[in-house]
């Protein structure tokens, strides 16, 4: 299993970023894909998930600002993040969940003026 995140970076408050996670080594289309994040000095926080049927889940603080999507033809999951806040600063991880969870290496998102 390989998960490679990209799209992180430095953005001003109120800005947007789109994270991508390219997956390989498993049956992507039938897998639940998730995004999690870890802010400096804080614990892990689940952000969003998208299930094989396309249904989605968001943590309350992300609802209305973040959108998760998937492209099964490209084995890629996306996280569109809008109206970013300084408290969204974190390392964002792509996770494939199953009997064993597999994690990507993470991509840094920094929201700062």
Protein backbone atom coordinates (compact mmCIF):
# COMPACT_ATOMS: atom_id res chain seq x y z
CA UNK A 1 0.00 0.00 0.00
CA UNK A 2 1.29 3.43 -0.92
CA UNK A 3 -0.36 6.77 -0.22
CA UNK A 4 1.30 9.95 -1.46
CA UNK A 5 -0.13 13.28 -0.41
CA UNK A 6 0.51 16.56 -2.18
CA UNK A 7 -0.88 20.07 -2.35
CA UNK A 8 0.07 21.44 1.04
CA UNK A 9 1.76 24.76 1.54
CA UNK A 10 1.50 28.22 3.02
CA UNK A 11 -1.76 30.10 2.57
CA UNK A 12 -3.22 33.25 4.07
CA UNK A 13 -6.28 33.12 6.32
CA UNK A 14 -9.40 32.88 4.20
CA UNK A 15 -7.53 31.19 1.40
CA UNK A 16 -7.95 27.77 -0.18
CA UNK A 17 -5.88 24.68 -0.84
CA UNK A 18 -6.63 21.36 -2.48
CA UNK A 19 -4.85 18.32 -1.14
CA UNK A 20 -4.45 15.20 -3.24
CA UNK A 21 -3.62 11.65 -2.25
CA UNK A 22 -2.51 9.20 -4.91
CA UNK A 23 -3.10 5.63 -3.82
CA UNK A 24 -1.75 2.30 -5.00
CA UNK A 25 -1.38 -1.26 -3.85
CA UNK A 26 -4.99 -1.98 -2.93
CA UNK A 27 -8.48 -1.86 -4.42
CA UNK A 28 -9.08 1.85 -4.18
CA UNK A 29 -12.65 1.93 -5.45
CA UNK A 30 -13.91 -0.33 -2.67
CA UNK A 31 -11.97 1.36 0.13
CA UNK A 32 -12.90 4.01 2.64
CA UNK A 33 -10.50 6.92 2.33
CA UNK A 34 -9.97 9.43 5.09
CA UNK A 35 -8.07 12.56 5.90
CA UNK A 36 -6.67 13.20 9.36
CA UNK A 37 -4.51 16.00 10.70
CA UNK A 38 -2.16 16.74 13.53
CA UNK A 39 -1.51 20.29 14.64
CA UNK A 40 1.70 21.24 16.44
CA UNK A 41 1.58 20.02 20.02
CA UNK A 42 -1.87 18.49 19.61
CA UNK A 43 -3.31 15.07 19.10
CA UNK A 44 -4.56 13.46 15.95
CA UNK A 45 -7.88 14.72 14.60
CA UNK A 46 -10.01 13.02 11.98
CA UNK A 47 -11.08 15.49 9.31
CA UNK A 48 -13.20 13.73 6.74
CA UNK A 49 -13.94 10.40 5.10
CA UNK A 50 -15.42 9.19 1.84
CA UNK A 51 -16.85 5.73 1.51
CA UNK A 52 -16.92 3.43 -1.46
CA UNK A 53 -20.49 4.46 -2.25
CA UNK A 54 -19.45 8.13 -2.34
CA UNK A 55 -21.06 9.10 0.91
CA UNK A 56 -19.04 11.43 3.09
CA UNK A 57 -18.33 12.34 6.67
CA UNK A 58 -16.95 15.57 8.11
CA UNK A 59 -15.93 16.58 11.57
CA UNK A 60 -18.23 19.38 12.68
CA UNK A 61 -15.59 22.12 12.56
CA UNK A 62 -14.88 21.33 8.89
CA UNK A 63 -18.46 21.16 7.66
CA UNK A 64 -19.16 23.77 5.03
CA UNK A 65 -15.48 24.60 4.54
CA UNK A 66 -13.91 21.30 3.46
CA UNK A 67 -15.02 18.97 0.67
CA UNK A 68 -13.73 15.45 0.18
CA UNK A 69 -13.99 13.73 -3.18
CA UNK A 70 -12.55 10.78 -4.99
CA UNK A 71 -11.65 9.81 -8.54
CA UNK A 72 -11.66 6.04 -8.76
CA UNK A 73 -10.25 6.14 -12.30
CA UNK A 74 -7.17 7.93 -10.95
CA UNK A 75 -7.02 6.18 -7.57
CA UNK A 76 -6.93 9.60 -5.98
CA UNK A 77 -8.76 11.24 -3.10
CA UNK A 78 -8.95 14.99 -2.71
CA UNK A 79 -9.61 17.43 0.09
CA UNK A 80 -10.70 20.88 -1.00
CA UNK A 81 -10.19 23.30 1.88
CA UNK A 82 -11.76 26.74 1.74
CA UNK A 83 -11.97 29.63 4.23
CA UNK A 84 -8.85 28.38 5.92
CA UNK A 85 -8.08 29.53 9.44
CA UNK A 86 -4.82 29.63 11.38
CA UNK A 87 -6.13 26.77 13.51
CA UNK A 88 -6.22 24.60 10.39
CA UNK A 89 -2.43 24.61 10.43
CA UNK A 90 -1.36 20.98 10.68
CA UNK A 91 0.18 18.05 8.92
CA UNK A 92 -2.58 16.41 6.89
CA UNK A 93 -2.52 12.67 6.36
CA UNK A 94 -4.32 10.45 3.90
CA UNK A 95 -5.50 7.17 5.44
CA UNK A 96 -6.99 4.03 3.99
CA UNK A 97 -9.06 2.34 6.63
CA UNK A 98 -9.66 -1.35 6.95
CA UNK A 99 -8.59 -4.22 9.14
CA UNK A 100 -5.30 -2.32 9.16
CA UNK A 101 -5.03 1.42 8.61
CA UNK A 102 -2.38 2.64 6.21
CA UNK A 103 -1.09 6.22 6.37
CA UNK A 104 0.64 8.50 3.93
CA UNK A 105 3.70 10.54 4.87
CA UNK A 106 1.65 13.70 5.36
CA UNK A 107 1.66 17.15 3.82
CA UNK A 108 2.13 20.36 5.76
CA UNK A 109 -0.57 23.02 5.64
CA UNK A 110 0.28 26.37 7.19
CA UNK A 111 -2.32 29.12 7.43
CA UNK A 112 -0.70 32.39 8.33
CA UNK A 113 -0.55 35.99 7.26
